[in-house]
N, C-alpha and C. Protein backbone atom coordinates (compact mmCIF):
# COMPACT_ATOMS: atom_id res chain seq x y z
N MET A 1 -6.22 -5.65 -93.83
CA MET A 1 -5.26 -6.84 -93.48
C MET A 1 -4.45 -7.38 -95.22
N ASP A 2 -3.49 -7.24 -94.76
CA ASP A 2 -2.82 -7.55 -96.21
C ASP A 2 -3.13 -9.14 -96.55
N THR A 3 -3.19 -9.32 -97.41
CA THR A 3 -3.95 -10.49 -98.39
C THR A 3 -2.81 -11.53 -98.03
N LEU A 4 -2.04 -11.42 -97.86
CA LEU A 4 -0.88 -12.42 -97.68
C LEU A 4 -1.02 -12.91 -96.62
N ASN A 5 -1.02 -12.30 -95.36
CA ASN A 5 -0.80 -13.03 -94.02
C ASN A 5 -2.62 -13.68 -93.59
N ALA A 6 -3.48 -13.27 -94.51
CA ALA A 6 -4.37 -13.59 -94.06
C ALA A 6 -4.85 -14.97 -94.72
N THR A 7 -4.04 -15.45 -96.25
CA THR A 7 -4.24 -16.77 -96.53
C THR A 7 -3.03 -17.66 -95.52
N ILE A 8 -2.27 -17.06 -94.89
CA ILE A 8 -1.54 -18.35 -93.82
C ILE A 8 -2.23 -19.10 -92.60
N GLU A 9 -2.59 -20.51 -92.56
CA GLU A 9 -3.04 -21.26 -91.71
C GLU A 9 -2.27 -20.99 -90.61
N MET A 10 -3.31 -21.11 -89.88
CA MET A 10 -2.33 -21.42 -88.48
C MET A 10 -3.25 -22.08 -87.34
N THR A 11 -2.43 -22.42 -86.52
CA THR A 11 -3.33 -23.58 -85.55
C THR A 11 -4.84 -22.04 -84.69
N PRO A 12 -5.33 -22.72 -83.65
CA PRO A 12 -6.19 -21.61 -82.54
C PRO A 12 -5.26 -21.95 -81.38
N GLU A 13 -4.33 -22.39 -81.32
CA GLU A 13 -3.01 -22.28 -80.25
C GLU A 13 -2.31 -20.96 -81.22
N GLN A 14 -1.62 -20.82 -82.31
CA GLN A 14 -1.17 -20.40 -82.66
C GLN A 14 -1.85 -18.87 -82.66
N GLU A 15 -3.08 -18.69 -83.40
CA GLU A 15 -3.69 -17.49 -83.26
C GLU A 15 -3.95 -16.80 -81.64
N LYS A 16 -4.23 -17.71 -80.83
CA LYS A 16 -4.27 -17.71 -79.65
C LYS A 16 -2.80 -16.55 -79.08
N HIS A 17 -2.00 -17.23 -79.42
CA HIS A 17 -0.54 -16.55 -79.24
C HIS A 17 -0.32 -15.62 -79.61
N LEU A 18 -0.53 -14.91 -81.31
CA LEU A 18 -0.36 -13.71 -81.69
C LEU A 18 -1.21 -12.73 -81.60
N LEU A 19 -2.67 -13.12 -80.91
CA LEU A 19 -3.59 -12.16 -80.42
C LEU A 19 -3.16 -11.68 -79.15
N ASP A 20 -2.38 -12.60 -78.40
CA ASP A 20 -1.47 -12.56 -77.10
C ASP A 20 -0.39 -11.40 -77.17
N ILE A 21 0.16 -11.40 -78.02
CA ILE A 21 1.58 -10.89 -78.36
C ILE A 21 0.69 -9.48 -78.83
N LYS A 22 -0.03 -9.05 -79.88
CA LYS A 22 -0.48 -8.25 -80.56
C LYS A 22 -0.97 -7.18 -79.21
N GLU A 23 -1.63 -7.80 -78.42
CA GLU A 23 -2.67 -7.14 -76.97
C GLU A 23 -1.89 -6.74 -76.21
N ALA A 24 -0.43 -7.33 -75.89
CA ALA A 24 0.46 -7.25 -75.22
C ALA A 24 1.71 -5.78 -75.71
N PHE A 25 1.72 -5.84 -76.75
CA PHE A 25 2.18 -5.15 -77.95
C PHE A 25 1.30 -3.78 -77.49
N THR A 26 0.52 -3.44 -78.35
CA THR A 26 -0.53 -2.55 -77.94
C THR A 26 -0.54 -1.74 -76.67
N GLN A 27 -0.76 -3.10 -75.57
CA GLN A 27 -0.50 -1.59 -73.87
C GLN A 27 0.60 -1.23 -73.84
N LEU A 28 1.74 -1.67 -74.18
CA LEU A 28 3.30 -1.71 -74.22
C LEU A 28 3.38 -0.33 -74.88
N VAL A 29 3.03 -0.04 -76.29
CA VAL A 29 3.32 0.89 -77.03
C VAL A 29 2.64 1.86 -76.76
N ASP A 30 1.35 1.93 -76.08
CA ASP A 30 0.46 2.76 -75.67
C ASP A 30 0.89 3.60 -74.36
N THR A 31 1.73 2.82 -73.30
CA THR A 31 2.05 3.46 -72.15
C THR A 31 3.42 3.96 -72.51
N LYS A 32 4.37 3.09 -73.52
CA LYS A 32 5.28 4.15 -73.59
C LYS A 32 5.44 5.44 -74.41
N TYR A 33 4.28 5.41 -75.19
CA TYR A 33 3.91 6.76 -76.21
C TYR A 33 3.81 7.76 -75.40
N ARG A 34 2.45 7.52 -74.23
CA ARG A 34 1.97 8.59 -73.92
C ARG A 34 3.01 8.72 -72.93
N LYS A 35 4.20 8.08 -72.01
CA LYS A 35 5.01 8.45 -71.13
C LYS A 35 5.86 9.79 -72.08
N GLY A 36 6.63 9.03 -73.05
CA GLY A 36 7.64 9.86 -73.65
C GLY A 36 7.04 10.98 -74.42
N GLN A 37 5.15 11.07 -74.34
CA GLN A 37 5.24 12.34 -75.07
C GLN A 37 4.76 13.37 -73.47
N ALA A 38 4.65 13.20 -72.88
CA ALA A 38 4.57 13.69 -71.61
C ALA A 38 5.90 13.97 -70.52
N GLU A 39 7.20 13.19 -71.15
CA GLU A 39 8.50 13.48 -70.76
C GLU A 39 8.62 14.86 -71.74
N HIS A 40 8.57 14.18 -73.14
CA HIS A 40 9.72 14.98 -74.05
C HIS A 40 9.12 15.77 -75.21
N GLY A 41 7.16 15.47 -75.36
CA GLY A 41 6.90 15.94 -76.19
C GLY A 41 6.99 15.52 -77.87
N GLY A 42 6.49 16.13 -78.96
CA GLY A 42 6.34 15.13 -80.11
C GLY A 42 7.03 15.62 -81.39
N SER A 43 8.02 16.85 -80.70
CA SER A 43 8.96 17.20 -82.17
C SER A 43 10.09 16.69 -82.34
N LEU A 44 10.07 15.39 -83.00
CA LEU A 44 11.66 14.64 -83.00
C LEU A 44 12.76 15.43 -83.62
N TRP A 45 12.28 16.47 -84.87
CA TRP A 45 13.07 17.47 -85.45
C TRP A 45 14.45 17.88 -84.28
N GLU A 46 13.58 18.27 -82.86
CA GLU A 46 13.83 19.11 -81.91
C GLU A 46 15.21 18.47 -81.38
N LYS A 47 15.25 16.92 -81.15
CA LYS A 47 15.90 16.17 -80.57
C LYS A 47 17.31 15.90 -80.44
N ARG A 48 17.99 17.00 -79.96
CA ARG A 48 19.62 16.86 -80.58
C ARG A 48 19.65 15.01 -79.84
N GLY A 49 20.68 14.97 -81.02
CA GLY A 49 21.14 13.72 -80.54
C GLY A 49 20.28 12.46 -80.82
N LEU A 50 18.75 12.56 -81.29
CA LEU A 50 18.24 11.39 -81.11
C LEU A 50 18.19 10.23 -81.92
N ILE A 51 19.27 10.54 -83.46
CA ILE A 51 19.32 9.33 -84.19
C ILE A 51 20.68 8.65 -83.55
N ASP A 52 21.78 9.59 -82.86
CA ASP A 52 22.74 8.71 -82.45
C ASP A 52 22.37 7.79 -80.95
N MET A 53 21.16 8.33 -80.32
CA MET A 53 20.52 7.55 -78.95
C MET A 53 19.73 6.55 -79.93
N ALA A 54 19.30 6.60 -80.74
CA ALA A 54 18.42 5.70 -81.12
C ALA A 54 19.44 4.61 -81.60
N ILE A 55 20.67 4.84 -82.33
CA ILE A 55 21.53 3.57 -82.60
C ILE A 55 21.99 3.23 -81.75
N ASP A 56 22.46 3.75 -80.40
CA ASP A 56 23.16 3.15 -79.46
C ASP A 56 22.00 2.24 -78.77
N GLU A 57 21.06 2.87 -78.87
CA GLU A 57 19.51 1.53 -78.14
C GLU A 57 19.38 0.34 -79.04
N ALA A 58 19.92 0.30 -80.17
CA ALA A 58 19.49 -0.81 -81.52
C ALA A 58 21.25 -1.95 -81.29
N ILE A 59 22.21 -1.03 -81.05
CA ILE A 59 23.11 -1.35 -80.14
C ILE A 59 22.93 -2.26 -78.99
N ASP A 60 22.80 -1.82 -78.16
CA ASP A 60 22.29 -2.62 -76.97
C ASP A 60 21.47 -3.64 -77.08
N GLN A 61 20.33 -3.62 -77.68
CA GLN A 61 19.61 -4.70 -78.01
C GLN A 61 20.16 -5.76 -78.54
N VAL A 62 21.23 -5.62 -79.73
CA VAL A 62 21.47 -6.52 -80.24
C VAL A 62 22.62 -7.23 -79.41
N THR A 63 23.42 -6.79 -78.69
CA THR A 63 24.04 -6.65 -77.67
C THR A 63 23.54 -7.98 -76.56
N TYR A 64 22.35 -7.21 -76.24
CA TYR A 64 21.64 -8.45 -75.30
C TYR A 64 20.91 -9.42 -75.63
N LEU A 65 20.51 -9.46 -76.79
CA LEU A 65 20.31 -10.43 -77.37
C LEU A 65 21.17 -11.72 -78.00
N ILE A 66 22.64 -11.13 -78.14
CA ILE A 66 23.75 -12.10 -78.48
C ILE A 66 23.78 -12.63 -76.87
N THR A 67 23.92 -11.60 -76.18
CA THR A 67 24.73 -12.29 -74.71
C THR A 67 22.97 -13.25 -74.07
N LEU A 68 22.10 -13.28 -73.78
CA LEU A 68 20.95 -13.89 -74.10
C LEU A 68 21.51 -15.66 -74.31
N LYS A 69 21.27 -15.29 -76.01
CA LYS A 69 21.94 -16.46 -76.50
C LYS A 69 22.92 -17.51 -76.29
N ARG A 70 24.16 -16.60 -75.64
CA ARG A 70 25.26 -17.57 -75.58
C ARG A 70 24.94 -18.14 -74.16
N GLN A 71 24.30 -17.22 -72.76
CA GLN A 71 24.23 -16.98 -71.82
C GLN A 71 23.17 -19.01 -71.52
N LEU A 72 22.27 -18.74 -72.78
CA LEU A 72 21.18 -20.20 -72.80
C LEU A 72 21.96 -21.47 -73.44
N GLU A 73 23.54 -20.63 -74.35
CA GLU A 73 23.98 -22.19 -74.41
C GLU A 73 24.64 -22.68 -73.49
N LEU A 74 25.58 -21.71 -72.97
CA LEU A 74 26.03 -22.15 -71.52
C LEU A 74 25.21 -23.03 -70.63
N LEU A 75 24.23 -22.80 -70.61
CA LEU A 75 23.05 -23.94 -69.48
C LEU A 75 22.64 -24.74 -70.32
N GLY A 76 23.16 -24.99 -71.66
CA GLY A 76 22.52 -26.44 -72.46
C GLY A 76 20.90 -26.07 -72.63
N VAL A 77 20.43 -24.72 -73.07
CA VAL A 77 19.15 -24.81 -73.83
C VAL A 77 19.53 -24.30 -75.30
N ASP A 78 18.68 -25.00 -75.95
CA ASP A 78 18.78 -24.21 -77.50
C ASP A 78 18.37 -23.45 -77.60
N PRO A 79 19.00 -22.60 -78.21
CA PRO A 79 18.24 -21.08 -78.49
C PRO A 79 17.63 -20.95 -79.49
N GLY A 80 17.39 -22.00 -80.15
CA GLY A 80 16.44 -22.26 -81.75
C GLY A 80 16.96 -21.87 -82.96
N TYR A 81 18.30 -22.06 -83.27
CA TYR A 81 19.11 -21.71 -84.35
C TYR A 81 18.47 -21.66 -85.86
N ARG A 82 18.39 -20.65 -86.44
CA ARG A 82 18.08 -20.71 -88.00
C ARG A 82 18.37 -21.37 -88.80
N THR A 83 18.05 -22.26 -89.93
CA THR A 83 18.60 -22.87 -90.02
C THR A 83 18.71 -22.98 -92.05
N GLU A 84 17.88 -21.63 -92.57
CA GLU A 84 17.91 -21.16 -93.75
C GLU A 84 19.07 -20.15 -93.69
C-alpha cells in the first residue's frame, strides 16, 4: 500500500464509498478484459490502428464529459467546478 494514501484520514462513509468504487471497477475490468481476450487475444503490437483507436476513445470520453457538464449547467445542476 502507498504510504502517502495510508495517512489520509477518511470517514467511514468515505471508506465505504471507496470500497464500493474499487469493487465495481474490479468487476468491470475483469469482465471487459476477459471479453477482450476472447474477442481479440492479447498481442497488442499485432492490433493495426490500436493507438489511433485509443486516441479516438480518449477524445470521445472528453467529449462526453464536456457535454454532460454543459447539459448539467443547462439544467441548473452545479457540476462542481474545481477551484484550484
